[in-house]
Amino acid sequence: MRIAGTGLYGKCIVRMQTMHYPDRMDSTSLRIFLAVARRLNFTRAAQDVHLSQPAVSRRIHQLEAELGV
């Protein structure tokens, strides 16, 4: 770990370098999540992103597992 500076800015840089990001998070997963959040309905969200409802459900389940929620 490298400290890029001092003060608040330096602490932010250190924190960014040590955070763990999910391995599979991608723009498609984010787009699906946003569609479900916007519609509050898996079927309508699936229609919006042009996927089947089971595919959307699986992707959300994977995201929940990756994020630990």
N, C-alpha and C. Protein backbone atom coordinates (compact mmCIF):
# COMPACT_ATOMS: atom_id res chain seq x y z
N MET A 1 0.84 -1.17 0.00
CA MET A 1 0.00 0.00 0.00
C MET A 1 0.89 1.23 0.00
N ARG A 2 0.54 2.20 -0.84
CA ARG A 2 1.29 3.44 -0.96
C ARG A 2 0.46 4.60 -0.50
N ILE A 3 1.05 5.47 0.29
CA ILE A 3 0.34 6.69 0.71
C ILE A 3 0.72 7.78 -0.27
N ALA A 4 -0.30 8.31 -0.95
CA ALA A 4 -0.05 9.28 -2.01
C ALA A 4 0.05 10.71 -1.50
N GLY A 5 -0.27 10.96 -0.27
CA GLY A 5 -0.23 12.31 0.25
C GLY A 5 -0.64 12.34 1.70
N THR A 6 -0.82 13.51 2.22
CA THR A 6 -1.22 13.64 3.60
C THR A 6 -2.58 14.29 3.67
N GLY A 7 -3.16 14.29 4.85
CA GLY A 7 -4.46 14.92 5.03
C GLY A 7 -5.58 14.06 4.45
N LEU A 8 -6.72 14.67 4.27
CA LEU A 8 -7.91 13.97 3.80
C LEU A 8 -7.69 13.36 2.42
N TYR A 9 -7.06 14.09 1.52
CA TYR A 9 -6.84 13.58 0.17
C TYR A 9 -5.99 12.31 0.20
N GLY A 10 -4.94 12.31 0.99
CA GLY A 10 -4.08 11.14 1.11
C GLY A 10 -4.82 9.94 1.66
N LYS A 11 -5.69 10.18 2.64
CA LYS A 11 -6.48 9.09 3.21
C LYS A 11 -7.43 8.50 2.18
N CYS A 12 -8.01 9.34 1.34
CA CYS A 12 -8.92 8.85 0.29
C CYS A 12 -8.18 7.97 -0.69
N ILE A 13 -6.96 8.36 -1.07
CA ILE A 13 -6.18 7.57 -2.02
C ILE A 13 -5.84 6.22 -1.41
N VAL A 14 -5.42 6.19 -0.16
CA VAL A 14 -5.09 4.94 0.51
C VAL A 14 -6.32 4.05 0.56
N ARG A 15 -7.46 4.61 0.91
CA ARG A 15 -8.68 3.83 1.02
C ARG A 15 -9.06 3.24 -0.34
N MET A 16 -8.94 4.02 -1.41
CA MET A 16 -9.30 3.53 -2.74
C MET A 16 -8.40 2.37 -3.16
N GLN A 17 -7.15 2.41 -2.79
CA GLN A 17 -6.22 1.37 -3.18
C GLN A 17 -6.45 0.08 -2.41
N THR A 18 -7.07 0.13 -1.24
CA THR A 18 -7.23 -1.06 -0.42
C THR A 18 -8.64 -1.63 -0.45
N MET A 19 -9.59 -0.94 -1.11
CA MET A 19 -10.97 -1.43 -1.15
C MET A 19 -11.06 -2.64 -2.06
N HIS A 20 -11.97 -3.56 -1.73
CA HIS A 20 -12.21 -4.73 -2.58
C HIS A 20 -13.45 -4.47 -3.41
N TYR A 21 -13.32 -4.64 -4.69
CA TYR A 21 -14.45 -4.47 -5.58
C TYR A 21 -14.90 -5.83 -6.08
N PRO A 22 -16.21 -6.05 -6.25
CA PRO A 22 -16.69 -7.34 -6.74
C PRO A 22 -16.06 -7.68 -8.09
N ASP A 23 -15.76 -8.95 -8.27
CA ASP A 23 -15.09 -9.39 -9.49
C ASP A 23 -15.99 -9.34 -10.71
N ARG A 24 -17.28 -9.55 -10.54
CA ARG A 24 -18.16 -9.70 -11.69
C ARG A 24 -19.04 -8.49 -11.96
N MET A 25 -18.94 -7.47 -11.16
CA MET A 25 -19.76 -6.28 -11.39
C MET A 25 -19.37 -5.68 -12.74
N ASP A 26 -20.35 -5.50 -13.59
CA ASP A 26 -20.09 -4.90 -14.89
C ASP A 26 -21.24 -3.96 -15.24
N SER A 27 -21.13 -3.32 -16.38
CA SER A 27 -22.15 -2.35 -16.74
C SER A 27 -23.52 -2.99 -16.96
N THR A 28 -23.55 -4.23 -17.43
CA THR A 28 -24.83 -4.91 -17.62
C THR A 28 -25.50 -5.17 -16.28
N SER A 29 -24.74 -5.62 -15.30
CA SER A 29 -25.30 -5.85 -13.96
C SER A 29 -25.85 -4.56 -13.38
N LEU A 30 -25.12 -3.49 -13.55
CA LEU A 30 -25.57 -2.19 -13.04
C LEU A 30 -26.83 -1.72 -13.76
N ARG A 31 -26.86 -1.93 -15.06
CA ARG A 31 -28.04 -1.55 -15.85
C ARG A 31 -29.27 -2.34 -15.40
N ILE A 32 -29.10 -3.63 -15.13
CA ILE A 32 -30.21 -4.47 -14.66
C ILE A 32 -30.66 -4.02 -13.28
N PHE A 33 -29.71 -3.77 -12.38
CA PHE A 33 -30.05 -3.31 -11.05
C PHE A 33 -30.84 -2.01 -11.10
N LEU A 34 -30.40 -1.08 -11.93
CA LEU A 34 -31.09 0.21 -12.03
C LEU A 34 -32.50 0.04 -12.60
N ALA A 35 -32.66 -0.86 -13.55
CA ALA A 35 -34.00 -1.11 -14.12
C ALA A 35 -34.94 -1.67 -13.06
N VAL A 36 -34.45 -2.60 -12.25
CA VAL A 36 -35.29 -3.17 -11.18
C VAL A 36 -35.61 -2.10 -10.14
N ALA A 37 -34.63 -1.29 -9.79
CA ALA A 37 -34.87 -0.22 -8.81
C ALA A 37 -35.86 0.80 -9.33
N ARG A 38 -35.76 1.11 -10.60
CA ARG A 38 -36.65 2.11 -11.21
C ARG A 38 -38.08 1.58 -11.30
N ARG A 39 -38.24 0.34 -11.74
CA ARG A 39 -39.57 -0.22 -11.97
C ARG A 39 -40.19 -0.86 -10.73
N LEU A 40 -39.33 -1.29 -9.78
CA LEU A 40 -39.80 -2.02 -8.59
C LEU A 40 -40.60 -3.27 -8.98
N ASN A 41 -40.20 -3.84 -10.12
CA ASN A 41 -40.91 -5.00 -10.65
C ASN A 41 -39.93 -5.74 -11.57
N PHE A 42 -39.68 -7.01 -11.27
CA PHE A 42 -38.69 -7.77 -12.04
C PHE A 42 -39.15 -8.00 -13.48
N THR A 43 -40.42 -8.27 -13.69
CA THR A 43 -40.92 -8.54 -15.04
C THR A 43 -40.80 -7.31 -15.92
N ARG A 44 -41.23 -6.16 -15.42
CA ARG A 44 -41.13 -4.93 -16.22
C ARG A 44 -39.68 -4.52 -16.44
N ALA A 45 -38.85 -4.72 -15.42
CA ALA A 45 -37.43 -4.41 -15.57
C ALA A 45 -36.80 -5.31 -16.64
N ALA A 46 -37.19 -6.57 -16.66
CA ALA A 46 -36.67 -7.50 -17.66
C ALA A 46 -37.07 -7.04 -19.06
N GLN A 47 -38.28 -6.58 -19.22
CA GLN A 47 -38.71 -6.05 -20.52
C GLN A 47 -37.87 -4.85 -20.92
N ASP A 48 -37.58 -3.98 -19.97
CA ASP A 48 -36.79 -2.77 -20.25
C ASP A 48 -35.38 -3.10 -20.74
N VAL A 49 -34.77 -4.14 -20.17
CA VAL A 49 -33.39 -4.49 -20.53
C VAL A 49 -33.33 -5.63 -21.55
N HIS A 50 -34.50 -6.03 -22.05
CA HIS A 50 -34.59 -7.05 -23.09
C HIS A 50 -34.00 -8.39 -22.67
N LEU A 51 -34.35 -8.81 -21.45
CA LEU A 51 -33.96 -10.12 -20.93
C LEU A 51 -35.21 -10.80 -20.39
N SER A 52 -35.08 -12.10 -20.12
CA SER A 52 -36.19 -12.79 -19.48
C SER A 52 -36.21 -12.47 -17.99
N GLN A 53 -37.35 -12.63 -17.37
CA GLN A 53 -37.46 -12.36 -15.93
C GLN A 53 -36.55 -13.27 -15.12
N PRO A 54 -36.44 -14.59 -15.44
CA PRO A 54 -35.51 -15.43 -14.68
C PRO A 54 -34.05 -14.97 -14.81
N ALA A 55 -33.66 -14.47 -15.99
CA ALA A 55 -32.29 -13.99 -16.16
C ALA A 55 -32.02 -12.77 -15.29
N VAL A 56 -32.98 -11.88 -15.19
CA VAL A 56 -32.84 -10.70 -14.33
C VAL A 56 -32.77 -11.13 -12.87
N SER A 57 -33.61 -12.05 -12.47
CA SER A 57 -33.60 -12.55 -11.09
C SER A 57 -32.26 -13.19 -10.74
N ARG A 58 -31.71 -13.98 -11.66
CA ARG A 58 -30.40 -14.61 -11.41
C ARG A 58 -29.32 -13.56 -11.25
N ARG A 59 -29.33 -12.55 -12.12
CA ARG A 59 -28.29 -11.51 -12.06
C ARG A 59 -28.37 -10.74 -10.75
N ILE A 60 -29.58 -10.42 -10.30
CA ILE A 60 -29.74 -9.70 -9.03
C ILE A 60 -29.29 -10.59 -7.88
N HIS A 61 -29.62 -11.87 -7.95
CA HIS A 61 -29.19 -12.81 -6.92
C HIS A 61 -27.65 -12.87 -6.86
N GLN A 62 -26.99 -12.90 -8.03
CA GLN A 62 -25.53 -12.91 -8.07
C GLN A 62 -24.95 -11.64 -7.46
N LEU A 63 -25.55 -10.51 -7.78
CA LEU A 63 -25.08 -9.24 -7.21
C LEU A 63 -25.22 -9.24 -5.69
N GLU A 64 -26.35 -9.73 -5.20
CA GLU A 64 -26.56 -9.80 -3.75
C GLU A 64 -25.51 -10.68 -3.09
N ALA A 65 -25.20 -11.81 -3.72
CA ALA A 65 -24.19 -12.71 -3.17
C ALA A 65 -22.81 -12.05 -3.16
N GLU A 66 -22.47 -11.38 -4.25
CA GLU A 66 -21.16 -10.71 -4.34
C GLU A 66 -21.00 -9.59 -3.33
N LEU A 67 -22.09 -8.86 -3.10
CA LEU A 67 -22.05 -7.72 -2.18
C LEU A 67 -22.35 -8.10 -0.74
N GLY A 68 -22.76 -9.35 -0.52
CA GLY A 68 -23.03 -9.81 0.84
C GLY A 68 -24.30 -9.26 1.43
N VAL A 69 -25.31 -9.07 0.60
CA VAL A 69 -26.61 -8.57 1.10
C VAL A 69 -27.71 -9.56 0.84
